[in-house]
Protein backbone atom coordinates (compact mmCIF):
# COMPACT_ATOMS: atom_id res chain seq x y z
CA MET A 1 -21.93 -13.28 9.82
CA LYS A 2 -19.05 -11.44 8.18
CA ILE A 3 -16.37 -13.39 6.33
CA LEU A 4 -13.12 -12.01 4.95
CA LEU A 5 -12.20 -13.11 1.44
CA SER A 6 -8.61 -13.69 2.59
CA TRP A 7 -9.90 -15.96 5.36
CA LEU A 8 -12.14 -17.89 2.96
CA ASN A 9 -9.21 -18.42 0.58
CA GLN A 10 -7.16 -19.98 3.39
CA PHE A 11 -9.51 -22.98 3.24
CA ALA A 12 -9.56 -23.37 -0.56
CA ASP A 13 -8.65 -21.37 -3.63
CA PHE A 14 -11.94 -19.57 -4.25
CA GLY A 15 -10.27 -16.81 -6.24
CA THR A 16 -10.91 -13.08 -6.07
CA ASN A 17 -14.13 -12.64 -8.07
CA VAL A 18 -16.40 -11.63 -5.20
CA SER A 19 -19.56 -11.64 -7.34
CA ASP A 20 -19.02 -15.26 -8.42
CA ILE A 21 -18.26 -16.35 -4.86
CA SER A 22 -21.35 -14.51 -3.61
CA ASP A 23 -23.55 -16.17 -6.25
CA ALA A 24 -22.13 -19.61 -5.41
CA LEU A 25 -22.70 -19.16 -1.68
CA THR A 26 -26.26 -17.93 -2.28
CA SER A 27 -27.03 -20.90 -4.54
CA LEU A 28 -25.82 -23.22 -1.75
CA GLY A 29 -28.34 -21.71 0.67
CA MET A 30 -26.03 -19.21 2.32
CA PRO A 31 -27.35 -15.88 1.03
CA VAL A 32 -24.85 -13.03 0.88
CA GLU A 33 -26.61 -9.90 2.05
CA GLU A 34 -23.79 -7.41 1.59
CA ILE A 35 -20.32 -7.15 0.08
CA ILE A 36 -18.05 -4.56 1.65
CA GLU A 37 -14.82 -3.67 -0.10
CA SER A 38 -12.22 -2.29 2.25
CA GLY A 39 -10.41 0.64 0.69
CA SER A 40 -10.51 1.34 -2.99
CA ARG A 41 -8.21 0.32 -5.75
CA LEU A 42 -5.85 3.17 -6.42
CA GLU A 43 -4.20 3.25 -9.83
CA GLY A 44 -0.46 3.83 -9.49
CA VAL A 45 0.00 2.54 -5.94
CA VAL A 46 2.22 -0.54 -5.83
CA VAL A 47 3.89 -2.68 -3.18
CA ALA A 48 7.51 -1.74 -2.51
CA GLN A 49 10.03 -3.40 -0.25
CA VAL A 50 12.37 -1.32 1.91
CA LEU A 51 16.00 -1.97 1.00
CA ARG A 52 17.60 0.56 3.35
CA THR A 53 17.08 3.96 4.91
CA GLU A 54 19.57 6.77 5.21
CA ARG A 55 19.62 9.96 7.24
CA HIS A 56 20.76 13.11 5.49
CA PRO A 57 22.91 15.39 7.68
CA ASP A 58 20.94 18.47 6.56
CA ALA A 59 17.45 16.96 6.76
CA GLU A 60 16.28 16.43 10.34
CA LYS A 61 12.59 15.71 9.68
CA VAL A 62 12.91 13.39 6.69
CA HIS A 63 15.07 10.49 5.64
CA ARG A 64 15.88 8.75 2.38
CA VAL A 65 14.17 5.43 1.88
CA TYR A 66 15.45 3.12 -0.83
CA VAL A 67 12.84 0.66 -2.10
CA THR A 68 12.33 -1.84 -4.88
CA THR A 69 9.11 -2.85 -6.59
CA ASP A 70 10.61 -5.62 -8.70
CA GLY A 71 13.51 -6.95 -6.64
CA THR A 72 16.06 -5.47 -9.03
CA ASN A 73 15.62 -1.74 -9.60
CA GLU A 74 16.09 0.69 -6.73
CA LEU A 75 13.98 3.81 -6.18
CA HIS A 76 14.69 6.66 -3.79
CA VAL A 77 11.87 8.30 -1.82
CA TRP A 78 12.02 11.05 0.79
CA CYS A 79 9.82 10.24 3.79
CA GLY A 80 8.89 11.98 7.02
CA ALA A 81 7.75 8.80 8.77
CA PHE A 82 10.36 6.63 10.45
CA ASN A 83 8.34 3.51 11.33
CA MET A 84 9.58 1.19 8.57
CA SER A 85 12.47 -1.29 8.66
CA VAL A 86 14.56 -3.06 6.05
CA GLY A 87 12.46 -5.80 4.45
CA ASP A 88 9.09 -4.19 5.21
CA LYS A 89 6.55 -4.13 2.40
CA ILE A 90 4.88 -0.75 2.06
CA PRO A 91 2.60 1.09 -0.38
CA LEU A 92 4.37 3.34 -2.87
CA ALA A 93 2.45 5.91 -4.90
CA THR A 94 4.42 6.09 -8.13
CA LEU A 95 5.07 9.25 -10.12
CA GLY A 96 1.91 10.41 -11.88
CA THR A 97 -0.48 8.89 -9.33
CA THR A 98 -3.45 11.00 -8.28
CA MET A 99 -4.17 10.40 -4.60
CA PRO A 100 -7.74 10.22 -3.22
CA ASP A 101 -7.39 13.79 -1.87
CA GLY A 102 -6.50 15.05 -5.38
CA ARG A 103 -2.74 15.44 -4.83
CA GLN A 104 -0.64 14.57 -7.85
CA ILE A 105 2.55 12.63 -7.11
CA LEU A 106 5.31 14.42 -8.99
CA LYS A 107 9.09 14.30 -8.88
CA ARG A 108 9.97 16.71 -6.07
CA GLY A 109 13.33 17.36 -4.56
CA ILE A 110 14.67 17.95 -1.09
CA LEU A 111 18.20 19.28 -0.81
CA GLY A 112 18.56 18.92 -4.58
CA ILE A 113 17.68 15.20 -4.58
CA ASP A 114 14.43 14.18 -6.29
CA SER A 115 11.98 11.75 -4.74
CA GLU A 116 10.65 9.02 -7.03
CA GLY A 117 7.22 8.68 -5.46
CA MET A 118 5.51 8.82 -2.07
CA LEU A 119 5.28 6.20 0.65
CA CYS A 120 1.72 6.08 1.98
CA SER A 121 -0.05 5.92 5.31
CA ALA A 122 -3.37 4.10 5.68
CA LYS A 123 -5.13 7.47 5.86
CA GLU A 124 -3.58 8.68 2.60
CA LEU A 125 -4.94 5.53 0.95
CA GLU A 126 -8.33 6.08 2.67
CA LEU A 127 -8.15 2.68 4.38
CA ASN A 128 -8.63 4.12 7.87
CA GLU A 129 -7.78 7.24 9.87
CA ASP A 130 -4.28 6.13 10.94
CA HIS A 131 -1.78 8.77 9.86
CA GLY A 132 0.84 7.79 12.44
CA GLY A 133 3.30 6.39 9.94
CA ILE A 134 3.68 4.45 6.73
CA PHE A 135 1.23 1.57 6.34
CA ILE A 136 3.24 -1.63 6.83
CA LEU A 137 1.73 -4.43 4.77
CA PRO A 138 1.51 -8.01 6.02
CA SER A 139 4.60 -10.01 5.07
CA THR A 140 2.47 -12.27 2.86
CA SER A 141 1.66 -9.37 0.43
CA HIS A 142 2.89 -9.76 -3.13
């Protein structure tokens, strides 16, 4: 049987230390045969919330997305995907992040306006093969 850690934690606060949880389950007679971690932890990728989006009259294939990572400060990111809405929580690769494919996230401009990071699809984060838009996180993400 496969059990999600998030599902297990809905019943009680077991925490996030998978090794300790695995050892406890095994000692109770429920041996854990395998632990599968979905995705990998990527240094520099944080959760951002969409504040607003704005079309630029000279940029047909991209739009400006304004996000916050702390509820106070606003960041501006150029994005070619249009699937997010105000209030959505999305992954933001901050400046200096090295993506799994080796790309370095640097301050780059479009029409003379710099982007302060990159909004990420599930494929760019190597979570799955979906590259159809920005990965929208569940509303319970922190």
